[in-house]
Amino acid sequence: MSFRAFVVDLQDDNFSAGVQSLEETDLPQGDVTITVQWSSVNYKDGLATLPKGRVVTSYPMVPGIDLAGTVRESNDAHFQAGQPVLVTGYDLGIGHFGGFAELARVPGDWIVPLPDGLSLEETMALGTAGFTAGLSVQALQHGGVTPDSGPVLVTGATGGVGSTAVAMLAQLGYTVAASTGKADEHDYLRALGASEILTREEVSEENKRPIEKERWAGAVDPVGGTTTAYILRTLKRDGVSALSGLTGGAGLSTTVMPFILRGASLAGIESVYCPMDLRTQIWRHLGSDWKPNALLDSIAVHTDLDGVAAAAASILQGGVRGRTLVQIN
């Protein structure tokens, strides 16, 4: 059986990226074959389309770190033909053929059954970004940050993690401040539930003071760098910041003062190899009390396999807001 896939390849110094026809025999080993209906475009997928993106571990590769579809064949007793499922993380789209294809074959222990309250399309409107936002919300709650604790800051708020976090937190009753470098997206963020908008410069300016005025009860931070340092300096007593990204840089210049004077906590968010019990717990929340209102209308835009290259280029240039879904079948 032949199927269409977006494939990247690097042989010697020759790099290629585009849609081509593959055979089922080209699929990697795995317990479950899935007819992919939806995927999504993440920043890591954008890097996968570059010859020096440094995320793909073997070539040729089908990118797409998220996928949702129905089981076509299964050698795993936990899954049956026709069952709706989703996969995010692990080596998907990086070292193992991913979601930008009409067929995928994966290990059974990577698969999450479709959660109640979500369609396959909605799972990809969330995807790795929404799942990361969910882990961030869970970290704030685990650290004791409640809606009564004070405002929560979301950085990089028009991106995938940021936009879903704004919507989730607002729906849960938190007062949400959103930071963005896009002056024309303030109305979008307010529609998601942000009550205050900060510029990127406000949250990324370097400051030699070890601590500043207490401002935030918590933060969801997919940016990193000087933004993380700003958050730590301005967290309220016993505040928690959930850090999941490094678009603002991998370095961190700070002091111990926020930790020993205010009891600040910095929670690292790792979504790729998240244990399955926590993974399924978060997805249950995403299908119920954490599910953003008007998820498909407010956060998601759509493309198809032929539009993957353009969407990947756009996300690398910071031109995407919310989530870009890829309709496969």
C-alpha atoms as a PDB file:
ATOM      1  CA  MET A   1       0.000   0.000   0.000  1.00  0.00           C
ATOM      2  CA  SER A   2       1.371   3.429  -0.921  1.00  0.00           C
ATOM      3  CA  PHE A   3       0.718   6.583   1.071  1.00  0.00           C
ATOM      4  CA  ARG A   4       1.693  10.267   1.025  1.00  0.00           C
ATOM      5  CA  ALA A   5       4.183  11.706   3.507  1.00  0.00           C
ATOM      6  CA  PHE A   6       6.228  14.830   4.053  1.00  0.00           C
ATOM      7  CA  VAL A   7       9.825  13.576   4.088  1.00  0.00           C
ATOM      8  CA  VAL A   8      13.112  15.263   4.945  1.00  0.00           C
ATOM      9  CA  ASP A   9      16.378  13.693   3.846  1.00  0.00           C
ATOM     10  CA  LEU A  10      20.053  14.536   4.164  1.00  0.00           C
ATOM     11  CA  GLN A  11      22.585  12.522   2.217  1.00  0.00           C
ATOM     12  CA  ASP A  12      26.131  13.878   2.192  1.00  0.00           C
ATOM     13  CA  ASP A  13      25.479  17.606   1.738  1.00  0.00           C
ATOM     14  CA  ASN A  14      22.238  17.221  -0.211  1.00  0.00           C
ATOM     15  CA  PHE A  15      19.129  18.135   1.793  1.00  0.00           C
ATOM     16  CA  SER A  16      15.566  17.727   0.568  1.00  0.00           C
ATOM     17  CA  ALA A  17      12.133  18.293   2.097  1.00  0.00           C
ATOM     18  CA  GLY A  18       8.761  17.686   0.480  1.00  0.00           C
ATOM     19  CA  VAL A  19       5.755  15.458  -0.013  1.00  0.00           C
ATOM     20  CA  GLN A  20       6.402  12.116  -1.656  1.00  0.00           C
ATOM     21  CA  SER A  21       4.876   8.657  -1.977  1.00  0.00           C
ATOM     22  CA  LEU A  22       6.044   5.891   0.379  1.00  0.00           C
ATOM     23  CA  GLU A  23       5.181   2.232   0.700  1.00  0.00           C
ATOM     24  CA  GLU A  24       3.893   0.563   3.836  1.00  0.00           C
ATOM     25  CA  THR A  25       7.119  -1.432   3.897  1.00  0.00           C
ATOM     26  CA  ASP A  26       8.973   1.859   4.455  1.00  0.00           C
ATOM     27  CA  LEU A  27       7.373   2.279   7.873  1.00  0.00           C
ATOM     28  CA  PRO A  28       9.585   1.625  10.915  1.00  0.00           C
ATOM     29  CA  GLN A  29       8.992  -1.215  13.334  1.00  0.00           C
ATOM     30  CA  GLY A  30       6.204  -0.891  15.869  1.00  0.00           C
ATOM     31  CA  ASP A  31       3.259  -2.672  17.428  1.00  0.00           C
ATOM     32  CA  VAL A  32       0.450  -0.515  16.066  1.00  0.00           C
ATOM     33  CA  THR A  33      -0.212   0.901  12.600  1.00  0.00           C
ATOM     34  CA  ILE A  34      -2.325   4.068  12.624  1.00  0.00           C
ATOM     35  CA  THR A  35      -4.269   5.778   9.866  1.00  0.00           C
ATOM     36  CA  VAL A  36      -3.295   9.359  10.635  1.00  0.00           C
ATOM     37  CA  GLN A  37      -6.092  11.902  10.371  1.00  0.00           C
ATOM     38  CA  TRP A  38      -4.548  14.937  12.077  1.00  0.00           C
ATOM     39  CA  SER A  39      -1.145  16.267  13.058  1.00  0.00           C
ATOM     40  CA  SER A  40       0.168  19.704  14.014  1.00  0.00           C
ATOM     41  CA  VAL A  41       3.170  21.949  13.445  1.00  0.00           C
ATOM     42  CA  ASN A  42       5.468  22.605  16.395  1.00  0.00           C
ATOM     43  CA  TYR A  43       8.698  24.583  16.624  1.00  0.00           C
ATOM     44  CA  LYS A  44      10.653  21.317  16.687  1.00  0.00           C
ATOM     45  CA  ASP A  45       8.934  20.316  13.430  1.00  0.00           C
ATOM     46  CA  GLY A  46      10.123  23.575  11.933  1.00  0.00           C
ATOM     47  CA  LEU A  47      13.693  22.758  12.950  1.00  0.00           C
ATOM     48  CA  ALA A  48      13.299  19.311  11.388  1.00  0.00           C
ATOM     49  CA  THR A  49      12.804  20.943   7.986  1.00  0.00           C
ATOM     50  CA  LEU A  50      16.212  22.623   8.153  1.00  0.00           C
ATOM     51  CA  PRO A  51      19.429  20.880   7.065  1.00  0.00           C
ATOM     52  CA  LYS A  52      21.110  22.135  10.251  1.00  0.00           C
ATOM     53  CA  GLY A  53      18.104  22.025  12.567  1.00  0.00           C
ATOM     54  CA  ARG A  54      19.897  19.539  14.850  1.00  0.00           C
ATOM     55  CA  VAL A  55      16.786  17.700  15.991  1.00  0.00           C
ATOM     56  CA  VAL A  56      16.456  14.836  13.490  1.00  0.00           C
ATOM     57  CA  THR A  57      18.627  11.899  14.538  1.00  0.00           C
ATOM     58  CA  SER A  58      18.442   9.783  11.360  1.00  0.00           C
ATOM     59  CA  TYR A  59      17.506  10.259   7.707  1.00  0.00           C
ATOM     60  CA  PRO A  60      15.268   9.944   5.794  1.00  0.00           C
ATOM     61  CA  MET A  61      12.667  11.096   8.313  1.00  0.00           C
ATOM     62  CA  VAL A  62       8.965  11.904   8.381  1.00  0.00           C
ATOM     63  CA  PRO A  63       8.654  14.845  10.836  1.00  0.00           C
ATOM     64  CA  GLY A  64       5.596  15.527  12.952  1.00  0.00           C
ATOM     65  CA  ILE A  65       5.970  15.114  16.716  1.00  0.00           C
ATOM     66  CA  ASP A  66       2.172  14.851  17.137  1.00  0.00           C
ATOM     67  CA  LEU A  67      -0.404  12.605  15.490  1.00  0.00           C
ATOM     68  CA  ALA A  68      -3.992  11.508  15.970  1.00  0.00           C
ATOM     69  CA  GLY A  69      -5.924   8.887  14.062  1.00  0.00           C
ATOM     70  CA  THR A  70      -7.458   5.439  14.183  1.00  0.00           C
ATOM     71  CA  VAL A  71      -5.781   2.085  14.658  1.00  0.00           C
ATOM     72  CA  ARG A  72      -5.460   0.193  11.381  1.00  0.00           C
ATOM     73  CA  GLU A  73      -3.635  -2.894  12.653  1.00  0.00           C
ATOM     74  CA  SER A  74      -2.435  -3.824  16.119  1.00  0.00           C
ATOM     75  CA  ASN A  75      -0.177  -6.436  17.675  1.00  0.00           C
ATOM     76  CA  ASP A  76      -0.733  -4.842  21.081  1.00  0.00           C
ATOM     77  CA  ALA A  77      -3.671  -6.234  23.063  1.00  0.00           C
ATOM     78  CA  HIS A  78      -4.394  -2.785  24.507  1.00  0.00           C
ATOM     79  CA  PHE A  79      -5.455  -1.425  21.091  1.00  0.00           C
ATOM     80  CA  GLN A  80      -7.939  -2.649  18.509  1.00  0.00           C
ATOM     81  CA  ALA A  81      -8.571  -1.792  14.862  1.00  0.00           C
ATOM     82  CA  GLY A  82     -10.760   1.292  14.524  1.00  0.00           C
ATOM     83  CA  GLN A  83      -9.850   2.687  17.950  1.00  0.00           C
ATOM     84  CA  PRO A  84      -9.153   6.465  18.027  1.00  0.00           C
ATOM     85  CA  VAL A  85      -5.748   7.264  19.519  1.00  0.00           C
ATOM     86  CA  LEU A  86      -3.084   9.949  19.755  1.00  0.00           C
ATOM     87  CA  VAL A  87       0.702  10.043  20.095  1.00  0.00           C
ATOM     88  CA  THR A  88       2.949  12.896  21.195  1.00  0.00           C
ATOM     89  CA  GLY A  89       6.587  12.986  22.160  1.00  0.00           C
ATOM     90  CA  TYR A  90       9.055  10.116  22.495  1.00  0.00           C
ATOM     91  CA  ASP A  91      11.120   9.850  19.277  1.00  0.00           C
ATOM     92  CA  LEU A  92       8.143  10.586  17.042  1.00  0.00           C
ATOM     93  CA  GLY A  93       9.140  12.748  14.080  1.00  0.00           C
ATOM     94  CA  ILE A  94      12.750  12.931  15.265  1.00  0.00           C
ATOM     95  CA  GLY A  95      14.159   9.404  15.255  1.00  0.00           C
ATOM     96  CA  HIS A  96      10.984   7.541  14.270  1.00  0.00           C
ATOM     97  CA  PHE A  97       8.613   8.374  11.392  1.00  0.00           C
ATOM     98  CA  GLY A  98       6.065  10.865  12.681  1.00  0.00           C
ATOM     99  CA  GLY A  99       2.716  12.458  12.010  1.00  0.00           C
ATOM    100  CA  PHE A 100       3.200  14.150   8.634  1.00  0.00           C
ATOM    101  CA  ALA A 101       2.059  11.034   6.783  1.00  0.00           C
ATOM    102  CA  GLU A 102      -1.119   9.160   5.992  1.00  0.00           C
ATOM    103  CA  LEU A 103       0.186   6.098   7.863  1.00  0.00           C
ATOM    104  CA  ALA A 104       2.316   5.705  10.981  1.00  0.00           C
ATOM    105  CA  ARG A 105       3.598   2.710  12.905  1.00  0.00           C
ATOM    106  CA  VAL A 106       4.631   3.149  16.543  1.00  0.00           C
ATOM    107  CA  PRO A 107       5.306   1.179  19.741  1.00  0.00           C
ATOM    108  CA  GLY A 108       2.141   0.500  21.699  1.00  0.00           C
ATOM    109  CA  ASP A 109       3.517   2.079  24.864  1.00  0.00           C
ATOM    110  CA  TRP A 110       3.678   5.477  23.127  1.00  0.00           C
ATOM    111  CA  ILE A 111      -0.078   5.563  22.485  1.00  0.00           C
ATOM    112  CA  VAL A 112      -2.795   7.362  24.448  1.00  0.00           C
ATOM    113  CA  PRO A 113      -6.413   6.332  23.797  1.00  0.00           C
ATOM    114  CA  LEU A 114      -8.581   9.280  22.736  1.00  0.00           C
ATOM    115  CA  PRO A 115      -9.622  11.027  25.988  1.00  0.00           C
ATOM    116  CA  ASP A 116     -13.275  11.627  26.737  1.00  0.00           C
ATOM    117  CA  GLY A 117     -14.354  15.137  25.778  1.00  0.00           C
ATOM    118  CA  LEU A 118     -11.969  15.545  22.840  1.00  0.00           C
ATOM    119  CA  SER A 119     -12.218  14.821  19.136  1.00  0.00           C
ATOM    120  CA  LEU A 120      -9.138  13.731  17.202  1.00  0.00           C
ATOM    121  CA  GLU A 121      -8.989  17.199  15.682  1.00  0.00           C
ATOM    122  CA  GLU A 122      -9.131  18.834  19.114  1.00  0.00           C
ATOM    123  CA  THR A 123      -6.293  16.668  20.438  1.00  0.00           C
ATOM    124  CA  MET A 124      -4.056  18.134  17.748  1.00  0.00           C
ATOM    125  CA  ALA A 125      -5.288  21.672  18.431  1.00  0.00           C
ATOM    126  CA  LEU A 126      -3.660  20.932  21.795  1.00  0.00           C
ATOM    127  CA  GLY A 127      -0.871  18.525  20.797  1.00  0.00           C
ATOM    128  CA  THR A 128       2.561  18.730  22.384  1.00  0.00           C
ATOM    129  CA  ALA A 129       2.119  22.462  23.021  1.00  0.00           C
ATOM    130  CA  GLY A 130      -1.198  22.059  24.825  1.00  0.00           C
ATOM    131  CA  PHE A 131       0.108  19.029  26.694  1.00  0.00           C
ATOM    132  CA  THR A 132       3.125  21.073  27.816  1.00  0.00           C
ATOM    133  CA  ALA A 133       0.787  23.849  28.928  1.00  0.00           C
ATOM    134  CA  GLY A 134      -1.201  21.252  30.871  1.00  0.00           C
ATOM    135  CA  LEU A 135       1.932  19.988  32.602  1.00  0.00           C
ATOM    136  CA  SER A 136       2.729  23.611  33.469  1.00  0.00           C
ATOM    137  CA  VAL A 137      -0.717  24.159  34.991  1.00  0.00           C
ATOM    138  CA  GLN A 138      -0.296  20.943  36.960  1.00  0.00           C
ATOM    139  CA  ALA A 139       3.073  22.178  38.269  1.00  0.00           C
ATOM    140  CA  LEU A 140       1.507  25.456  39.456  1.00  0.00           C
ATOM    141  CA  GLN A 141      -1.300  23.621  41.208  1.00  0.00           C
ATOM    142  CA  HIS A 142       1.114  21.115  42.743  1.00  0.00           C
ATOM    143  CA  GLY A 143       3.133  24.061  44.085  1.00  0.00           C
ATOM    144  CA  GLY A 144       0.063  25.534  45.756  1.00  0.00           C
ATOM    145  CA  VAL A 145      -0.670  28.345  43.293  1.00  0.00           C
ATOM    146  CA  THR A 146      -4.436  28.894  43.253  1.00  0.00           C
ATOM    147  CA  PRO A 147      -6.615  31.585  41.644  1.00  0.00           C
ATOM    148  CA  ASP A 148      -6.594  33.358  45.022  1.00  0.00           C
ATOM    149  CA  SER A 149      -2.782  33.458  45.142  1.00  0.00           C
ATOM    150  CA  GLY A 150      -2.537  36.341  42.697  1.00  0.00           C
ATOM    151  CA  PRO A 151      -1.905  36.911  38.993  1.00  0.00           C
ATOM    152  CA  VAL A 152      -0.097  34.370  36.820  1.00  0.00           C
ATOM    153  CA  LEU A 153       2.197  35.490  33.997  1.00  0.00           C
ATOM    154  CA  VAL A 154       2.310  33.598  30.686  1.00  0.00           C
ATOM    155  CA  THR A 155       5.286  34.439  28.463  1.00  0.00           C
ATOM    156  CA  GLY A 156       5.453  33.894  24.711  1.00  0.00           C
ATOM    157  CA  ALA A 157       1.696  34.071  24.957  1.00  0.00           C
ATOM    158  CA  THR A 158       0.772  33.935  21.258  1.00  0.00           C
ATOM    159  CA  GLY A 159       2.714  30.705  20.715  1.00  0.00           C
ATOM    160  CA  GLY A 160       1.323  27.208  21.082  1.00  0.00           C
ATOM    161  CA  VAL A 161       2.208  26.672  24.745  1.00  0.00           C
ATOM    162  CA  GLY A 162       1.435  30.262  25.671  1.00  0.00           C
ATOM    163  CA  SER A 163      -1.939  30.581  23.988  1.00  0.00           C
ATOM    164  CA  THR A 164      -3.266  27.299  25.356  1.00  0.00           C
ATOM    165  CA  ALA A 165      -1.939  28.145  28.829  1.00  0.00           C
ATOM    166  CA  VAL A 166      -3.673  31.545  28.794  1.00  0.00           C
ATOM    167  CA  ALA A 167      -6.965  29.909  27.843  1.00  0.00           C
ATOM    168  CA  MET A 168      -6.643  27.080  30.390  1.00  0.00           C
ATOM    169  CA  LEU A 169      -5.684  29.319  33.293  1.00  0.00           C
ATOM    170  CA  ALA A 170      -8.407  31.858  32.558  1.00  0.00           C
ATOM    171  CA  GLN A 171     -10.997  29.102  32.382  1.00  0.00           C
ATOM    172  CA  LEU A 172      -9.805  27.787  35.754  1.00  0.00           C
ATOM    173  CA  GLY A 173     -10.386  31.224  37.301  1.00  0.00           C
ATOM    174  CA  TYR A 174      -6.835  32.578  37.425  1.00  0.00           C
ATOM    175  CA  THR A 175      -6.038  36.210  36.704  1.00  0.00           C
ATOM    176  CA  VAL A 176      -3.753  35.952  33.692  1.00  0.00           C
ATOM    177  CA  ALA A 177      -1.181  38.430  32.421  1.00  0.00           C
ATOM    178  CA  ALA A 178       0.226  37.662  28.975  1.00  0.00           C
ATOM    179  CA  SER A 179       3.474  38.889  27.468  1.00  0.00           C
ATOM    180  CA  THR A 180       4.082  39.113  23.734  1.00  0.00           C
ATOM    181  CA  GLY A 181       6.306  40.845  21.248  1.00  0.00           C
ATOM    182  CA  LYS A 182       3.402  41.211  18.815  1.00  0.00           C
ATOM    183  CA  ALA A 183       1.626  44.522  19.309  1.00  0.00           C
ATOM    184  CA  ASP A 184      -1.210  43.521  16.956  1.00  0.00           C
ATOM    185  CA  GLU A 185      -2.185  40.429  18.982  1.00  0.00           C
ATOM    186  CA  HIS A 186      -3.449  42.076  22.164  1.00  0.00           C
ATOM    187  CA  ASP A 187      -7.112  41.588  21.230  1.00  0.00           C
ATOM    188  CA  TYR A 188      -6.436  37.912  20.510  1.00  0.00           C
ATOM    189  CA  LEU A 189      -4.893  37.395  23.947  1.00  0.00           C
ATOM    190  CA  ARG A 190      -7.708  39.228  25.696  1.00  0.00           C
ATOM    191  CA  ALA A 191     -10.196  37.014  23.860  1.00  0.00           C
ATOM    192  CA  LEU A 192      -8.358  33.975  25.249  1.00  0.00           C
ATOM    193  CA  GLY A 193      -8.760  35.357  28.761  1.00  0.00           C
ATOM    194  CA  ALA A 194      -5.767  37.581  29.487  1.00  0.00           C
ATOM    195  CA  SER A 195      -6.639  40.569  31.671  1.00  0.00           C
ATOM    196  CA  GLU A 196      -3.267  42.315  31.271  1.00  0.00           C
ATOM    197  CA  ILE A 197      -0.797  42.487  28.372  1.00  0.00           C
ATOM    198  CA  LEU A 198       2.930  43.070  28.811  1.00  0.00           C
ATOM    199  CA  THR A 199       5.459  43.726  26.079  1.00  0.00           C
ATOM    200  CA  ARG A 200       8.321  41.338  25.458  1.00  0.00           C
ATOM    201  CA  GLU A 201      10.741  44.077  26.538  1.00  0.00           C
ATOM    202  CA  GLU A 202       9.076  44.413  29.929  1.00  0.00           C
ATOM    203  CA  VAL A 203       9.753  40.776  30.792  1.00  0.00           C
ATOM    204  CA  SER A 204      13.156  40.331  29.166  1.00  0.00           C
ATOM    205  CA  GLU A 205      15.100  43.403  30.227  1.00  0.00           C
ATOM    206  CA  GLU A 206      18.246  42.519  32.136  1.00  0.00           C
ATOM    207  CA  ASN A 207      18.487  43.849  35.666  1.00  0.00           C
ATOM    208  CA  LYS A 208      21.346  43.406  38.128  1.00  0.00           C
ATOM    209  CA  ARG A 209      19.017  43.610  41.143  1.00  0.00           C
ATOM    210  CA  PRO A 210      18.665  40.105  42.673  1.00  0.00           C
ATOM    211  CA  ILE A 211      14.985  40.638  43.485  1.00  0.00           C
ATOM    212  CA  GLU A 212      12.329  43.188  42.568  1.00  0.00           C
ATOM    213  CA  LYS A 213       8.837  44.040  43.750  1.00  0.00           C
ATOM    214  CA  GLU A 214       6.671  40.928  44.222  1.00  0.00           C
ATOM    215  CA  ARG A 215       4.265  40.682  41.317  1.00  0.00           C
ATOM    216  CA  TRP A 216       3.443  37.150  40.130  1.00  0.00           C
ATOM    217  CA  ALA A 217       2.048  34.206  42.084  1.00  0.00           C
ATOM    218  CA  GLY A 218       3.172  31.939  39.268  1.00  0.00           C
ATOM    219  CA  ALA A 219       4.286  31.833  35.672  1.00  0.00           C
ATOM    220  CA  VAL A 220       4.115  29.611  32.607  1.00  0.00           C
ATOM    221  CA  ASP A 221       7.350  30.237  30.753  1.00  0.00           C
ATOM    222  CA  PRO A 222       8.114  28.660  27.363  1.00  0.00           C
ATOM    223  CA  VAL A 223      10.682  31.398  26.635  1.00  0.00           C
ATOM    224  CA  GLY A 224      13.640  31.035  29.007  1.00  0.00           C
ATOM    225  CA  GLY A 225      16.754  33.212  29.073  1.00  0.00           C
ATOM    226  CA  THR A 226      16.437  36.705  30.511  1.00  0.00           C
ATOM    227  CA  THR A 227      12.661  36.248  30.759  1.00  0.00           C
ATOM    228  CA  THR A 228      13.127  33.416  33.251  1.00  0.00           C
ATOM    229  CA  ALA A 229      15.481  35.616  35.266  1.00  0.00           C
ATOM    230  CA  TYR A 230      12.861  38.401  35.299  1.00  0.00           C
ATOM    231  CA  ILE A 231      10.184  35.990  36.515  1.00  0.00           C
ATOM    232  CA  LEU A 232      12.338  34.727  39.365  1.00  0.00           C
ATOM    233  CA  ARG A 233      13.095  38.284  40.496  1.00  0.00           C
ATOM    234  CA  THR A 234       9.403  39.212  40.564  1.00  0.00           C
ATOM    235  CA  LEU A 235       7.703  36.086  41.916  1.00  0.00           C
ATOM    236  CA  LYS A 236       5.628  36.505  45.045  1.00  0.00           C
ATOM    237  CA  ARG A 237       6.513  34.590  48.182  1.00  0.00           C
ATOM    238  CA  ASP A 238       6.209  30.825  47.517  1.00  0.00           C
ATOM    239  CA  GLY A 239       5.596  31.547  43.831  1.00  0.00           C
ATOM    240  CA  VAL A 240       6.136  28.882  41.172  1.00  0.00           C
ATOM    241  CA  SER A 241       7.403  29.274  37.621  1.00  0.00           C
ATOM    242  CA  ALA A 242       6.976  26.403  35.148  1.00  0.00           C
ATOM    243  CA  LEU A 243       9.774  26.524  32.559  1.00  0.00           C
ATOM    244  CA  SER A 244       9.371  24.605  29.302  1.00  0.00           C
ATOM    245  CA  GLY A 245      11.281  26.390  26.530  1.00  0.00           C
ATOM    246  CA  LEU A 246      14.321  28.286  25.398  1.00  0.00           C
ATOM    247  CA  THR A 247      13.266  30.494  22.498  1.00  0.00           C
ATOM    248  CA  GLY A 248      14.691  33.396  24.521  1.00  0.00           C
ATOM    249  CA  GLY A 249      17.992  31.608  25.036  1.00  0.00           C
ATOM    250  CA  ALA A 250      19.432  28.663  26.938  1.00  0.00           C
ATOM    251  CA  GLY A 251      21.492  30.709  29.395  1.00  0.00           C
ATOM    252  CA  LEU A 252      20.196  31.822  32.779  1.00  0.00           C
ATOM    253  CA  SER A 253      21.786  34.561  34.878  1.00  0.00           C
ATOM    254  CA  THR A 254      20.185  34.826  38.308  1.00  0.00           C
ATOM    255  CA  THR A 255      20.972  34.590  42.014  1.00  0.00           C
ATOM    256  CA  VAL A 256      19.860  32.389  44.876  1.00  0.00           C
ATOM    257  CA  MET A 257      17.955  35.311  46.450  1.00  0.00           C
ATOM    258  CA  PRO A 258      14.468  34.526  45.065  1.00  0.00           C
ATOM    259  CA  PHE A 259      14.796  30.973  46.346  1.00  0.00           C
ATOM    260  CA  ILE A 260      16.122  31.644  49.847  1.00  0.00           C
ATOM    261  CA  LEU A 261      14.332  34.934  50.568  1.00  0.00           C
ATOM    262  CA  ARG A 262      10.924  34.233  48.999  1.00  0.00           C
ATOM    263  CA  GLY A 263      10.765  30.460  48.684  1.00  0.00           C
ATOM    264  CA  ALA A 264      10.471  30.678  44.902  1.00  0.00           C
ATOM    265  CA  SER A 265      10.260  27.423  42.941  1.00  0.00           C
ATOM    266  CA  LEU A 266      11.412  26.780  39.380  1.00  0.00           C
ATOM    267  CA  ALA A 267       9.648  23.723  37.947  1.00  0.00           C
ATOM    268  CA  GLY A 268      11.144  22.147  34.848  1.00  0.00           C
ATOM    269  CA  ILE A 269       8.551  20.872  32.342  1.00  0.00           C
ATOM    270  CA  GLU A 270       9.601  17.869  30.246  1.00  0.00           C
ATOM    271  CA  SER A 271       6.901  16.557  27.916  1.00  0.00           C
ATOM    272  CA  VAL A 272       8.783  14.208  25.586  1.00  0.00           C
ATOM    273  CA  TYR A 273       9.313  11.240  27.915  1.00  0.00           C
ATOM    274  CA  CYS A 274       6.639  12.092  30.481  1.00  0.00           C
ATOM    275  CA  PRO A 275       5.551   8.881  32.305  1.00  0.00           C
ATOM    276  CA  MET A 276       2.398   7.356  30.856  1.00  0.00           C
ATOM    277  CA  ASP A 277       0.409   7.559  34.095  1.00  0.00           C
ATOM    278  CA  LEU A 278       0.963  11.319  34.328  1.00  0.00           C
ATOM    279  CA  ARG A 279       0.530  11.655  30.567  1.00  0.00           C
ATOM    280  CA  THR A 280      -2.944  10.082  30.654  1.00  0.00           C
ATOM    281  CA  GLN A 281      -3.874  12.102  33.744  1.00  0.00           C
ATOM    282  CA  ILE A 282      -3.032  15.365  31.978  1.00  0.00           C
ATOM    283  CA  TRP A 283      -4.936  14.328  28.847  1.00  0.00           C
ATOM    284  CA  ARG A 284      -8.013  13.549  30.962  1.00  0.00           C
ATOM    285  CA  HIS A 285      -7.874  17.093  32.343  1.00  0.00           C
ATOM    286  CA  LEU A 286      -7.389  18.488  28.820  1.00  0.00           C
ATOM    287  CA  GLY A 287     -10.618  16.803  27.789  1.00  0.00           C
ATOM    288  CA  SER A 288     -12.577  18.115  30.765  1.00  0.00           C
ATOM    289  CA  ASP A 289     -11.902  20.943  33.227  1.00  0.00           C
ATOM    290  CA  TRP A 290      -8.790  22.291  31.454  1.00  0.00           C
ATOM    291  CA  LYS A 291     -10.186  22.217  27.917  1.00  0.00           C
ATOM    292  CA  PRO A 292     -10.043  25.745  26.457  1.00  0.00           C
ATOM    293  CA  ASN A 293     -13.347  27.226  25.348  1.00  0.00           C
ATOM    294  CA  ALA A 294     -13.772  27.450  21.566  1.00  0.00           C
ATOM    295  CA  LEU A 295     -10.521  25.520  21.140  1.00  0.00           C
ATOM    296  CA  LEU A 296     -10.827  25.051  17.383  1.00  0.00           C
ATOM    297  CA  ASP A 297     -12.169  28.544  16.731  1.00  0.00           C
ATOM    298  CA  SER A 298      -9.826  30.619  18.873  1.00  0.00           C
ATOM    299  CA  ILE A 299      -6.513  28.760  18.892  1.00  0.00           C
ATOM    300  CA  ALA A 300      -6.275  26.604  15.763  1.00  0.00           C
ATOM    301  CA  VAL A 301      -5.658  27.279  12.084  1.00  0.00           C
ATOM    302  CA  HIS A 302      -5.534  24.574   9.423  1.00  0.00           C
ATOM    303  CA  THR A 303      -3.341  23.359   6.614  1.00  0.00           C
ATOM    304  CA  ASP A 304      -2.629  20.037   4.853  1.00  0.00           C
ATOM    305  CA  LEU A 305       0.427  17.995   3.895  1.00  0.00           C
ATOM    306  CA  ASP A 306       1.165  20.281   0.974  1.00  0.00           C
ATOM    307  CA  GLY A 307       1.166  23.256   3.332  1.00  0.00           C
ATOM    308  CA  VAL A 308       3.570  21.788   5.902  1.00  0.00           C
ATOM    309  CA  ALA A 309       6.704  23.408   4.458  1.00  0.00           C
ATOM    310  CA  ALA A 310       5.183  26.893   4.544  1.00  0.00           C
ATOM    311  CA  ALA A 311       3.791  26.389   8.054  1.00  0.00           C
ATOM    312  CA  ALA A 312       7.170  25.118   9.291  1.00  0.00           C
ATOM    313  CA  ALA A 313       8.940  28.161   7.848  1.00  0.00           C
ATOM    314  CA  SER A 314       6.377  30.484   9.428  1.00  0.00           C
ATOM    315  CA  ILE A 315       6.711  29.015  12.915  1.00  0.00           C
ATOM    316  CA  LEU A 316      10.491  29.394  12.764  1.00  0.00           C
ATOM    317  CA  GLN A 317      10.047  33.067  11.867  1.00  0.00           C
ATOM    318  CA  GLY A 318       7.626  33.670  14.739  1.00  0.00           C
ATOM    319  CA  GLY A 319       4.765  34.197  12.324  1.00  0.00           C
ATOM    320  CA  VAL A 320       2.345  31.678  13.842  1.00  0.00           C
ATOM    321  CA  ARG A 321      -0.136  32.382  16.598  1.00  0.00           C
ATOM    322  CA  GLY A 322      -1.816  29.559  18.466  1.00  0.00           C
ATOM    323  CA  ARG A 323      -1.700  26.144  16.836  1.00  0.00           C
ATOM    324  CA  THR A 324      -1.412  25.030  13.199  1.00  0.00           C
ATOM    325  CA  LEU A 325      -3.263  21.778  12.502  1.00  0.00           C
ATOM    326  CA  VAL A 326      -2.408  19.521   9.590  1.00  0.00           C
ATOM    327  CA  GLN A 327      -5.350  17.604   8.137  1.00  0.00           C
ATOM    328  CA  ILE A 328      -3.883  14.371   6.809  1.00  0.00           C
ATOM    329  CA  ASN A 329      -6.908  12.208   5.908  1.00  0.00           C
END
